[in-house]
Protein backbone atom coordinates (compact mmCIF):
# COMPACT_ATOMS: atom_id res chain seq x y z
CA MET A 1 4.75 -0.09 21.12
CA LYS A 2 7.94 -1.74 20.84
CA ARG A 3 8.27 -4.16 17.40
CA ILE A 4 11.54 -5.96 16.54
CA LEU A 5 12.55 -6.84 13.49
CA VAL A 6 15.35 -9.68 13.17
CA ASN A 7 16.87 -12.34 10.99
CA GLY A 8 17.12 -9.53 8.10
CA LYS A 9 19.00 -7.98 5.71
CA ILE A 10 18.23 -4.50 6.49
CA PHE A 11 20.07 -1.10 4.31
CA THR A 12 19.17 1.63 6.46
CA GLY A 13 20.51 3.93 2.99
CA ASP A 14 24.60 3.63 4.23
CA LYS A 15 24.73 0.53 6.26
CA PHE A 16 23.55 -3.00 6.97
CA PHE A 17 22.52 -4.70 9.89
CA SER A 18 20.12 -7.82 10.55
CA ALA A 19 17.68 -6.47 13.48
CA MET A 20 16.19 -3.37 14.27
CA GLU A 21 13.79 -1.66 16.80
CA ILE A 22 10.93 0.08 16.50
CA THR A 23 9.27 2.38 19.18
CA ASP A 24 6.14 4.01 18.59
CA ASP A 25 6.24 5.60 14.87
CA LYS A 26 11.04 5.82 15.02
CA VAL A 27 13.36 3.80 14.37
CA SER A 28 15.06 3.59 17.95
CA TRP A 29 17.75 0.72 17.50
CA LEU A 30 19.93 -0.61 15.17
CA GLY A 31 22.09 -4.04 15.62
CA ASP A 32 22.45 -7.54 15.75
CA ASN A 33 20.21 -10.78 16.36
CA GLN A 34 21.90 -11.55 18.90
CA GLY A 35 21.66 -7.66 20.91
CA ALA A 36 18.05 -8.35 19.26
CA ARG A 37 17.79 -11.10 22.10
CA LEU A 38 18.59 -8.85 24.91
CA ARG A 39 16.09 -6.60 24.36
CA ASN A 40 11.99 -6.33 25.26
CA ALA A 41 9.44 -5.86 22.61
CA ASP A 42 5.61 -6.15 22.01
CA GLU A 43 5.99 -7.80 19.24
CA VAL A 44 9.05 -9.92 17.62
CA VAL A 45 9.09 -10.17 13.27
CA ASP A 46 11.09 -12.49 11.70
CA LEU A 47 12.01 -11.26 8.33
CA LYS A 48 13.53 -14.76 7.47
CA GLY A 49 17.08 -13.17 5.61
CA ARG A 50 14.68 -10.68 3.25
CA LEU A 51 16.25 -7.38 2.05
CA THR A 52 14.76 -4.64 3.76
CA LEU A 53 14.75 -0.90 2.80
CA PRO A 54 13.19 2.47 3.57
CA SER A 55 9.89 3.00 1.80
CA PHE A 56 10.27 4.45 -1.76
CA TRP A 57 9.45 8.56 -2.45
CA ASP A 58 7.62 8.88 -5.84
CA ILE A 59 8.04 12.36 -5.96
CA HIS A 60 6.59 13.48 -9.39
CA THR A 61 3.47 11.38 -10.10
CA HIS A 62 -0.35 12.14 -10.14
CA PRO A 63 -2.12 9.94 -7.58
CA LEU A 64 -5.70 11.44 -8.60
CA TRP A 65 -5.42 10.49 -12.10
CA ILE A 66 -4.15 7.10 -10.88
CA ALA A 67 -7.01 6.76 -8.98
CA GLU A 68 -8.85 7.47 -11.98
CA THR A 69 -7.14 4.70 -14.14
CA ILE A 70 -7.93 2.26 -11.32
CA GLY A 71 -11.43 1.63 -12.87
CA SER A 72 -10.23 2.37 -16.37
CA VAL A 73 -9.08 0.35 -19.67
CA ALA A 74 -5.39 -0.12 -19.47
CA CYS A 75 -4.29 0.45 -23.68
CA THR A 76 -0.39 0.23 -22.99
CA PRO A 77 1.75 -2.41 -23.77
CA PRO A 78 1.99 -5.38 -22.96
CA ASN A 79 -1.77 -5.90 -23.16
CA VAL A 80 -2.52 -3.68 -26.00
CA ALA A 81 -0.18 -3.52 -29.15
CA SER A 82 -2.56 -2.00 -31.69
CA ILE A 83 -5.92 0.25 -32.20
CA LYS A 84 -7.95 -3.83 -32.90
CA GLU A 85 -6.99 -4.05 -29.71
CA MET A 86 -7.51 -0.84 -27.97
CA ILE A 87 -11.27 -1.28 -29.63
CA ALA A 88 -11.58 -4.74 -28.14
CA ALA A 89 -10.33 -3.98 -24.62
CA LEU A 90 -12.65 -0.87 -24.56
CA LYS A 91 -15.63 -2.96 -25.34
CA LYS A 92 -15.14 -5.44 -22.42
CA SER A 93 -15.38 -1.94 -19.83
CA PRO A 94 -17.59 -2.38 -16.99
CA GLN A 95 -18.86 0.60 -17.81
CA VAL A 96 -20.62 -0.18 -21.49
CA GLY A 97 -24.11 -0.56 -21.63
CA LYS A 98 -24.20 1.83 -18.15
CA LYS A 99 -26.77 5.06 -18.91
CA ASP A 100 -24.34 8.36 -18.70
CA ALA A 101 -21.40 6.48 -18.07
CA TRP A 102 -18.12 7.13 -20.02
CA ILE A 103 -16.15 4.38 -21.20
CA GLU A 104 -12.33 5.17 -20.29
CA GLY A 105 -8.94 3.93 -21.48
CA TRP A 106 -5.62 4.96 -20.42
CA GLY A 107 -1.98 4.46 -21.66
CA TYR A 108 -1.90 4.33 -25.45
CA ASP A 109 1.03 5.48 -27.57
CA GLU A 110 0.45 5.51 -31.23
CA SER A 111 4.53 5.06 -31.53
CA LYS A 112 3.47 1.65 -30.21
CA LEU A 113 0.24 0.54 -31.78
CA ALA A 114 0.65 -1.74 -35.09
CA GLU A 115 -1.21 1.12 -37.10
CA GLY A 116 1.58 3.32 -36.18
CA ARG A 117 -1.22 6.17 -36.31
CA THR A 118 -2.94 7.84 -33.41
CA PRO A 119 -6.86 6.23 -32.76
CA THR A 120 -9.40 8.82 -33.82
CA ILE A 121 -12.99 8.89 -33.31
CA ASP A 122 -13.91 6.24 -36.69
CA ASP A 123 -12.07 4.07 -33.86
CA LEU A 124 -13.62 4.84 -30.87
CA ASP A 125 -17.10 5.10 -32.32
CA GLN A 126 -16.81 1.21 -33.02
CA VAL A 127 -16.53 1.03 -28.89
CA SER A 128 -19.86 2.82 -28.54
CA LYS A 129 -22.37 5.78 -30.57
CA THR A 130 -24.02 6.16 -27.72
CA GLN A 131 -21.47 6.49 -24.44
CA PRO A 132 -18.93 8.84 -24.52
CA VAL A 133 -15.52 6.99 -24.70
CA TYR A 134 -12.28 9.05 -23.42
CA VAL A 135 -8.49 7.58 -23.84
CA LEU A 136 -5.71 9.72 -22.00
CA ARG A 137 -2.66 9.50 -23.95
CA SER A 138 0.82 7.68 -21.99
CA ASP A 139 1.99 11.26 -21.34
CA CYS A 140 -1.48 12.05 -19.85
CA HIS A 141 -1.51 15.54 -21.59
CA SER A 142 -3.71 14.10 -24.65
CA CYS A 143 -6.44 12.13 -25.28
CA VAL A 144 -8.55 10.77 -28.02
CA VAL A 145 -12.43 10.80 -27.64
CA ASN A 146 -15.20 9.80 -30.04
CA SER A 147 -18.45 11.15 -31.34
CA VAL A 148 -20.53 11.28 -28.52
CA ALA A 149 -17.81 13.24 -26.15
CA LEU A 150 -16.95 15.85 -28.80
CA LYS A 151 -20.50 16.75 -28.42
CA LEU A 152 -20.70 16.72 -25.08
CA ALA A 153 -17.81 18.62 -25.38
CA GLY A 154 -19.40 20.84 -27.61
CA ILE A 155 -16.25 20.93 -30.36
CA THR A 156 -16.92 21.59 -33.87
CA LYS A 157 -14.81 22.25 -36.92
CA GLU A 158 -15.33 25.73 -35.88
CA THR A 159 -14.02 25.50 -32.07
CA PRO A 160 -10.91 27.34 -31.92
CA ASP A 161 -7.42 25.94 -30.40
CA PRO A 162 -7.46 26.48 -26.49
CA PHE A 163 -4.42 28.37 -24.98
CA GLY A 164 -2.11 25.37 -24.13
CA GLY A 165 -3.50 22.58 -26.66
CA MET A 166 -4.32 21.65 -30.11
CA ILE A 167 -8.00 19.93 -31.70
CA GLY A 168 -7.25 17.56 -33.98
CA HIS A 169 -8.95 17.60 -37.70
CA PHE A 170 -9.78 15.26 -40.46
CA LYS A 171 -8.32 17.08 -43.95
CA ASN A 172 -12.03 18.13 -44.36
CA GLY A 173 -11.72 20.35 -41.74
CA ASP A 174 -13.71 18.12 -38.77
CA PRO A 175 -12.80 17.52 -35.66
CA ASN A 176 -10.99 13.85 -35.40
CA GLY A 177 -11.19 13.24 -31.79
CA VAL A 178 -7.63 13.96 -30.68
CA MET A 179 -7.05 16.50 -28.16
CA ILE A 180 -3.11 17.47 -28.38
CA GLU A 181 -1.82 18.65 -24.89
CA ASN A 182 -3.38 19.81 -21.50
CA GLY A 183 -5.47 22.95 -23.26
CA ALA A 184 -7.49 20.40 -25.67
CA THR A 185 -7.90 17.84 -23.22
CA LYS A 186 -9.14 20.45 -20.32
CA LEU A 187 -12.20 20.88 -22.96
CA ILE A 188 -12.92 17.15 -22.21
CA LYS A 189 -12.21 16.72 -18.91
CA ALA A 190 -14.82 20.02 -17.99
CA VAL A 191 -17.75 17.48 -19.09
CA LYS A 192 -16.29 14.32 -18.04
CA GLU A 193 -15.48 15.49 -14.56
CA LYS A 194 -18.88 15.90 -12.67
CA ASP A 195 -18.09 13.23 -9.26
CA THR A 196 -18.89 14.44 -6.26
CA PHE A 197 -16.38 15.27 -3.60
CA GLU A 198 -17.14 12.56 -1.38
CA ASN A 199 -16.56 9.93 -4.82
CA VAL A 200 -13.09 11.77 -5.26
CA VAL A 201 -12.27 11.06 -1.18
CA LYS A 202 -13.24 7.50 -1.59
CA LYS A 203 -11.11 6.84 -4.91
CA THR A 204 -8.54 8.45 -3.43
CA MET A 205 -8.47 6.03 -0.59
CA LYS A 206 -7.82 3.07 -2.98
CA LEU A 207 -4.48 4.92 -3.04
CA THR A 208 -2.97 3.42 -0.35
CA THR A 209 -3.31 -0.17 -1.47
CA HIS A 210 -1.73 0.68 -5.11
CA TYR A 211 1.38 2.22 -3.38
CA ARG A 212 1.86 -0.24 -0.60
CA ALA A 213 2.13 -2.90 -3.86
CA ARG A 214 5.28 -0.65 -5.01
CA GLY A 215 6.63 0.30 -1.35
CA ILE A 216 5.71 3.55 -1.95
CA GLY A 217 5.77 6.02 1.24
CA VAL A 218 5.58 9.41 0.05
CA ILE A 219 4.07 11.03 -3.13
CA SER A 220 3.80 14.39 -4.55
CA ASP A 221 0.98 15.60 -6.82
CA MET A 222 2.15 17.69 -9.10
CA ILE A 223 -0.66 19.43 -10.91
CA SER A 224 -2.84 20.17 -8.31
CA LEU A 225 -5.83 21.95 -8.43
CA MET A 226 -8.34 24.17 -6.45
CA ALA A 227 -11.72 23.37 -8.35
CA PRO A 228 -13.99 21.69 -8.55
CA TYR A 229 -12.33 21.08 -5.10
CA ASP A 230 -9.00 21.83 -3.86
CA TYR A 231 -6.30 18.74 -3.38
CA GLY A 232 -5.27 19.57 -0.32
CA GLU A 233 -8.66 18.81 0.80
CA ILE A 234 -9.32 15.86 -0.94
CA TYR A 235 -6.45 14.69 0.41
CA SER A 236 -6.77 15.26 4.31
CA GLU A 237 -10.22 13.80 4.11
CA ALA A 238 -8.48 10.86 2.70
CA ALA A 239 -5.77 11.36 5.43
CA ARG A 240 -8.29 11.27 8.09
CA ARG A 241 -10.06 8.43 6.99
CA GLY A 242 -6.95 6.38 6.47
CA LEU A 243 -4.91 6.90 3.45
CA ALA A 244 -1.34 5.66 4.63
CA GLN A 245 0.78 8.06 2.36
CA GLU A 246 2.20 11.47 2.97
CA VAL A 247 1.33 13.69 0.48
CA TYR A 248 3.18 16.81 -1.48
CA LEU A 249 1.28 18.95 -3.48
CA TYR A 250 2.26 21.48 -6.01
CA TYR A 251 -0.46 23.55 -7.27
CA SER A 252 -1.15 24.61 -10.65
CA ILE A 253 0.09 28.22 -11.78
CA ASP A 254 -3.02 28.54 -14.35
CA GLU A 255 -5.21 27.91 -10.94
CA ILE A 256 -3.06 30.43 -9.07
CA LYS A 257 -3.59 33.37 -11.33
CA ARG A 258 -7.24 32.49 -12.64
CA LEU A 259 -8.22 33.02 -8.89
CA GLN A 260 -6.02 35.20 -8.35
CA LEU A 261 -4.64 33.85 -5.34
CA THR A 262 -1.88 35.77 -3.16
CA THR A 263 -0.84 33.00 -0.99
CA LEU A 264 -0.75 29.07 -1.04
CA PRO A 265 -3.61 26.96 -0.41
CA GLN A 266 -2.98 25.21 3.13
CA PRO A 267 -4.43 21.86 3.60
CA SER A 268 -5.81 21.11 6.76
CA HIS A 269 -4.35 17.46 7.41
CA PRO A 270 -0.51 17.28 8.87
CA GLN A 271 -0.03 14.62 6.97
CA VAL A 272 -0.46 16.46 3.48
CA HIS A 273 1.88 19.37 2.38
CA ALA A 274 1.52 22.74 -0.21
CA ALA A 275 5.33 22.22 -1.16
CA GLY A 276 4.79 24.59 -4.28
CA ILE A 277 3.36 25.81 -7.49
CA LYS A 278 3.62 24.49 -10.62
CA LEU A 279 4.45 25.66 -14.50
CA PHE A 280 4.56 23.83 -17.94
CA MET A 281 6.98 24.75 -20.18
CA ASP A 282 6.40 22.71 -22.96
CA GLY A 283 4.82 19.17 -24.00
CA THR A 284 6.48 15.89 -24.68
CA ILE A 285 9.35 14.54 -26.29
CA SER A 286 7.21 11.22 -27.68
CA ASN A 287 4.54 14.08 -29.09
CA GLN A 288 7.09 16.17 -30.82
CA THR A 289 5.69 19.44 -28.38
CA ALA A 290 8.30 19.44 -26.21
CA ARG A 291 10.42 22.70 -27.35
CA VAL A 292 13.68 21.78 -28.36
CA LYS A 293 16.97 23.93 -30.20
CA LYS A 294 17.37 21.96 -33.17
CA PRO A 295 14.22 20.42 -35.10
CA TYR A 296 12.85 17.00 -34.47
CA LYS A 297 14.30 14.60 -36.67
CA ASN A 298 12.92 14.26 -40.35
CA SER A 299 10.27 17.31 -39.10
CA GLU A 300 10.50 21.51 -39.16
CA GLY A 301 9.25 21.40 -35.85
CA THR A 302 10.65 22.24 -32.99
CA GLY A 303 7.91 21.40 -30.08
CA PHE A 304 5.77 24.76 -28.24
CA ALA A 305 5.90 27.21 -25.58
CA ILE A 306 2.71 26.98 -22.77
CA ASN A 307 3.79 29.14 -19.47
CA THR A 308 6.14 32.06 -20.64
CA VAL A 309 8.69 34.23 -19.54
CA GLU A 310 5.94 36.41 -17.95
CA ASP A 311 4.72 33.43 -16.18
CA LEU A 312 7.90 32.15 -14.78
CA LYS A 313 8.92 36.00 -13.14
CA PHE A 314 5.65 35.97 -11.48
CA ALA A 315 6.07 32.41 -10.38
CA TYR A 316 9.40 33.63 -8.74
CA GLU A 317 7.44 36.82 -6.75
CA PHE A 318 5.07 34.49 -5.56
CA ALA A 319 7.07 31.70 -4.26
CA LYS A 320 9.53 34.11 -2.82
CA LYS A 321 6.62 35.48 -0.84
CA ASN A 322 4.74 31.96 -0.12
CA ASP A 323 8.35 30.57 1.14
CA CYS A 324 7.84 27.87 -1.15
CA GLN A 325 9.15 26.03 -4.57
CA ILE A 326 8.67 26.29 -8.20
CA ALA A 327 8.26 23.04 -10.18
CA ILE A 328 8.36 23.25 -13.73
CA HIS A 329 7.84 20.63 -16.84
CA ALA A 330 10.31 21.31 -19.19
CA MET A 331 11.35 17.90 -21.46
CA GLY A 332 13.37 20.22 -24.50
CA ASP A 333 16.53 21.81 -24.02
CA ALA A 334 15.83 24.86 -25.51
CA SER A 335 12.36 25.11 -22.62
CA ILE A 336 15.44 24.21 -19.95
CA GLN A 337 17.52 26.43 -21.39
CA LEU A 338 15.19 29.42 -20.82
CA ILE A 339 14.60 28.43 -16.96
CA LEU A 340 18.13 28.77 -16.84
CA ASP A 341 18.50 32.40 -18.42
CA THR A 342 15.60 33.26 -16.27
CA TYR A 343 16.89 32.22 -12.72
CA GLY A 344 20.33 31.26 -12.85
CA ASP A 345 21.70 34.30 -11.98
CA LEU A 346 19.25 35.10 -9.47
CA ALA A 347 19.76 34.54 -5.76
CA PRO A 348 17.76 30.98 -3.88
CA TRP A 349 14.91 31.89 -1.39
CA LEU A 350 15.05 28.15 0.04
CA THR A 351 18.37 27.00 1.54
CA ASP A 352 16.65 23.63 3.04
CA ARG A 353 15.78 23.04 -0.16
CA PRO A 354 15.91 23.60 -4.12
CA SER A 355 14.02 26.72 -4.55
CA ILE A 356 13.46 25.56 -8.48
CA ARG A 357 12.65 21.56 -9.47
CA ILE A 358 12.95 21.14 -12.89
CA GLU A 359 10.68 18.21 -13.74
CA HIS A 360 11.80 15.71 -16.65
CA ALA A 361 15.06 17.58 -17.36
CA THR A 362 14.88 15.07 -20.66
CA LEU A 363 17.46 16.21 -23.10
CA LEU A 364 20.82 17.58 -20.84
CA SER A 365 23.70 17.65 -23.14
CA ASP A 366 27.38 18.53 -20.78
CA LYS A 367 27.34 21.85 -22.08
CA LEU A 368 24.30 22.60 -20.77
CA LEU A 369 24.69 20.82 -17.53
CA LYS A 370 27.90 22.75 -16.38
CA GLU A 371 25.88 25.92 -16.83
CA PHE A 372 23.75 24.70 -14.39
CA THR A 373 26.59 23.68 -12.19
CA ALA A 374 27.42 27.06 -12.02
CA ALA A 375 24.45 28.87 -11.79
CA LYS A 376 23.82 30.71 -8.70
CA MET A 377 20.05 29.52 -8.22
CA ASN A 378 19.87 26.11 -6.56
CA PHE A 379 18.16 24.49 -9.05
CA ALA A 380 17.14 20.37 -8.60
CA PHE A 381 16.23 18.07 -11.03
CA VAL A 382 14.08 15.52 -10.89
CA THR A 383 13.92 13.09 -14.01
CA GLN A 384 11.75 9.52 -15.34
CA ILE A 385 14.45 7.23 -16.99
CA ILE A 386 10.97 5.17 -17.17
CA PHE A 387 10.24 6.93 -20.12
CA LEU A 388 13.41 6.13 -22.16
CA TYR A 389 12.54 2.48 -20.92
CA ALA A 390 9.09 2.14 -21.92
CA GLU A 391 8.97 5.04 -24.92
CA TYR A 392 12.40 4.18 -26.99
CA ALA A 393 10.63 3.83 -30.26
CA ALA A 394 8.87 7.59 -29.81
CA TYR A 395 12.35 8.76 -28.95
CA GLN A 396 14.32 7.02 -31.79
CA LYS A 397 11.51 8.37 -34.17
CA ASN A 398 11.94 11.91 -33.10
CA LEU A 399 15.52 12.64 -32.17
CA GLU A 400 18.86 11.73 -34.15
CA GLU A 401 21.37 9.42 -32.18
CA LYS A 402 23.45 12.44 -30.43
CA ARG A 403 20.42 13.89 -29.25
CA LEU A 404 19.01 10.25 -27.69
CA LYS A 405 22.30 9.58 -25.94
CA GLU A 406 21.48 13.06 -23.81
CA CYS A 407 18.12 11.97 -22.88
CA TYR A 408 17.92 11.10 -18.99
CA PRO A 409 22.14 11.33 -18.79
CA LEU A 410 21.48 9.71 -15.16
CA ALA A 411 25.50 9.58 -14.38
CA SER A 412 26.01 12.94 -15.70
CA LEU A 413 23.68 14.61 -13.43
CA LEU A 414 24.77 13.05 -10.64
CA LYS A 415 28.52 13.64 -11.84
CA SER A 416 27.21 17.43 -12.11
CA GLY A 417 26.48 17.64 -8.67
CA VAL A 418 22.90 19.29 -9.21
CA THR A 419 20.74 17.66 -6.70
CA THR A 420 18.67 15.12 -8.69
CA ALA A 421 15.86 12.33 -7.96
CA LEU A 422 13.84 9.71 -10.04
CA SER A 423 10.31 9.32 -9.88
CA SER A 424 7.48 8.03 -12.55
CA ASP A 425 5.41 10.83 -13.62
CA ALA A 426 2.67 7.82 -13.11
CA PRO A 427 0.75 7.69 -14.59
CA ALA A 428 2.06 9.18 -17.61
CA THR A 429 3.94 6.80 -19.77
CA ALA A 430 3.42 3.83 -22.16
CA TRP A 431 3.76 0.77 -19.58
CA ILE A 432 1.33 -1.26 -17.53
CA LYS A 433 2.67 -0.12 -14.20
CA PRO A 434 4.43 3.01 -14.97
CA ASP A 435 5.17 3.41 -11.29
CA ASP A 436 6.68 0.07 -10.43
CA VAL A 437 10.15 0.95 -9.02
CA PHE A 438 12.00 -1.73 -9.73
CA ALA A 439 10.97 -1.32 -13.38
CA SER A 440 13.19 2.65 -12.92
CA LEU A 441 15.51 0.70 -10.79
CA THR A 442 16.42 -1.68 -13.42
CA ALA A 443 16.32 0.98 -16.53
CA ALA A 444 18.80 2.98 -14.37
CA VAL A 445 21.02 0.34 -13.85
CA THR A 446 21.29 -1.50 -16.88
CA ARG A 447 20.26 1.06 -19.21
CA ILE A 448 18.52 -1.33 -21.22
CA GLY A 449 14.72 -0.68 -22.74
CA ALA A 450 12.10 -2.73 -22.71
CA ASN A 451 12.58 -4.23 -25.81
CA GLY A 452 16.38 -4.57 -25.23
CA GLU A 453 17.29 -1.58 -26.67
CA ASP A 454 20.29 0.29 -25.95
CA LEU A 455 19.56 3.45 -23.47
CA ASN A 456 23.06 4.82 -23.57
CA HIS A 457 24.93 2.23 -21.27
CA LYS A 458 27.64 4.94 -20.38
CA GLU A 459 24.68 6.56 -18.36
CA ALA A 460 24.33 3.55 -16.05
CA ILE A 461 24.29 3.55 -12.60
CA ASP A 462 24.88 1.33 -9.74
CA LEU A 463 21.96 -0.08 -7.74
CA LEU A 464 23.25 2.02 -4.23
CA ALA A 465 22.75 5.08 -6.30
CA ALA A 466 19.47 4.45 -8.12
CA LEU A 467 17.85 3.27 -4.62
CA GLN A 468 19.15 6.81 -3.04
CA LEU A 469 17.16 8.55 -6.05
CA TYR A 470 13.84 7.37 -4.59
CA THR A 471 14.73 7.36 -0.91
CA LYS A 472 17.64 10.03 0.20
CA ALA A 473 17.95 12.16 -2.87
CA ALA A 474 13.83 12.39 -3.04
CA ALA A 475 13.61 13.80 0.80
CA LYS A 476 16.30 16.63 -0.02
CA MET A 477 13.74 17.79 -2.80
CA VAL A 478 10.91 19.09 -0.14
CA LYS A 479 10.12 20.65 3.01
CA THR A 480 10.45 17.60 5.83
CA ASP A 481 12.80 16.42 8.93
CA LYS A 482 12.88 12.85 7.09
CA THR A 483 16.00 11.82 5.98
CA ALA A 484 14.22 8.62 4.30
CA THR A 485 16.78 6.39 6.10
CA LEU A 486 16.29 4.14 8.82
CA SER A 487 18.65 5.68 10.74
CA VAL A 488 17.83 5.47 14.78
CA GLY A 489 15.65 8.67 15.44
CA GLN A 490 14.28 8.31 11.65
CA SER A 491 10.12 7.63 11.17
CA ALA A 492 9.84 3.90 10.68
CA ASP A 493 8.88 3.87 7.08
CA ILE A 494 9.99 0.40 5.60
CA ILE A 495 9.33 -2.17 3.17
CA VAL A 496 10.04 -6.19 3.05
CA LEU A 497 11.16 -7.28 -0.12
CA SER A 498 10.70 -10.80 -1.53
CA GLN A 499 13.77 -10.91 -2.77
CA ASP A 500 17.48 -9.16 -2.42
CA LEU A 501 18.07 -6.50 -5.29
CA PHE A 502 21.84 -6.56 -4.19
CA THR A 503 22.72 -10.69 -5.04
CA THR A 504 19.58 -11.07 -7.88
CA ASN A 505 20.23 -10.26 -11.36
CA PRO A 506 18.44 -7.32 -12.87
CA VAL A 507 17.14 -8.85 -15.49
CA LYS A 508 14.82 -10.05 -12.58
CA TRP A 509 14.26 -6.89 -10.29
CA GLN A 510 10.62 -6.25 -11.56
CA GLU A 511 9.61 -9.88 -10.21
CA THR A 512 9.93 -8.12 -7.00
CA THR A 513 7.14 -7.91 -4.28
CA ILE A 514 6.57 -5.75 -0.96
CA GLU A 515 6.46 -8.65 1.57
CA LYS A 516 5.50 -6.39 3.94
CA MET A 517 5.21 -2.33 4.63
CA TYR A 518 5.20 0.00 7.92
CA LEU A 519 4.65 3.86 7.30
CA ARG A 520 5.64 5.81 10.92
CA GLY A 521 5.95 2.54 12.63
CA ALA A 522 2.62 0.82 12.10
CA GLU A 523 2.30 -2.07 9.75
CA ILE A 524 -0.12 -1.52 5.68
CA LYS A 525 -1.87 -4.83 5.31
CA ASN A 526 -1.72 -6.14 1.71
């Protein structure tokens, strides 16, 4: 099939054109409206002057978590600003009163709640004392639950802290419902997540509409699991049934080791790719669990480590053998330094993409960046300016001015020459639409926070650079023939915007909607 798009402002990633031809799934011609009239087509689409771009790539996100939040209560700004409002919102959940149903919410950040504290079982028991209540924190590492959920999980004052997490307690020793970091949250998820494979696939199918609304055509699931169901097969079955987005998977190293796997699981659909393995070196800045070199402001704590140097060495051998990437969660400068010290002098085993992706890469001083530039290993940074935009109050509370200015230093990252891309880590931030690309673009270009804070304007980048971090640069992070541009011969992955970002004030970019979307040449209906 041939389709001609005319009367547009088509930005290929490098140049502007007014017309484009799509043949089947590829861009087959670029030119002007006059040239388009000379070409035969099965369909002509009038873009009506709209800005047209390559579709976005969100290469660090958690799509199955997003699928879960689609049916749960948003407990995040601007909807919820206090524990009182959180309780009221959860009471309106459609699950209230349903036998055996969990009342679920997501997105709280104690620094953004009027009470200035984390909710506890005393608060969530006001929602229900007969149904389990579960609210995922904005970082998606921690959660808070009510007394019913604690009982179902078998958690008492005698329950020891699990590996990679901590169980919160009242002063009398009783558990307070706060589950800190992934290791503790898993104790709750183990009793909560008893869905069938069929139901999980049906939830996954909802992602097409979710990502279509955000202009996202490629996604990476950054904590892919094998149990209770292999994520590769969940996405593969969803793709067979019509999931439009292309998917890259990074399997948890804890799963790899627990199951004693020697090879990376391989999905059964060509739209789904096993890209690598995922490690966690620390937690989050907002929760003071990221591993930092100097104590947090007004604290003696420096965060804590999760995976170890031995895990890094294991990952290195596994990744070399399987010709795959290592992706490592590291927010604190101590964790980032440890990765550099462990891998920096080693030879890369991949040449067509980074061997090692450092995810988040929050605290990066000029000195540390220079060390990465000089490293033998081909590192890359996948970072999230949306965190600083949405959670500035928590960062300001935990970091003094010097380190605040070193957070998500986009201009410095680009100057360093180390491959860098932007992403969302959705739903892991305290924002109602954490994977709204236009929010990230706004923050990257203006360096102004959600409440008008200065996010260090010296690290601002221009719109072209910001767009490339969600397209061309993002495509360089994975094994693909795609360039995330609208060049002739490339996949026709296209979005048509409601307004022109190049002429619209950045403060209005978040009002942008996706008017049309094409993936592999096929229109994705809203």
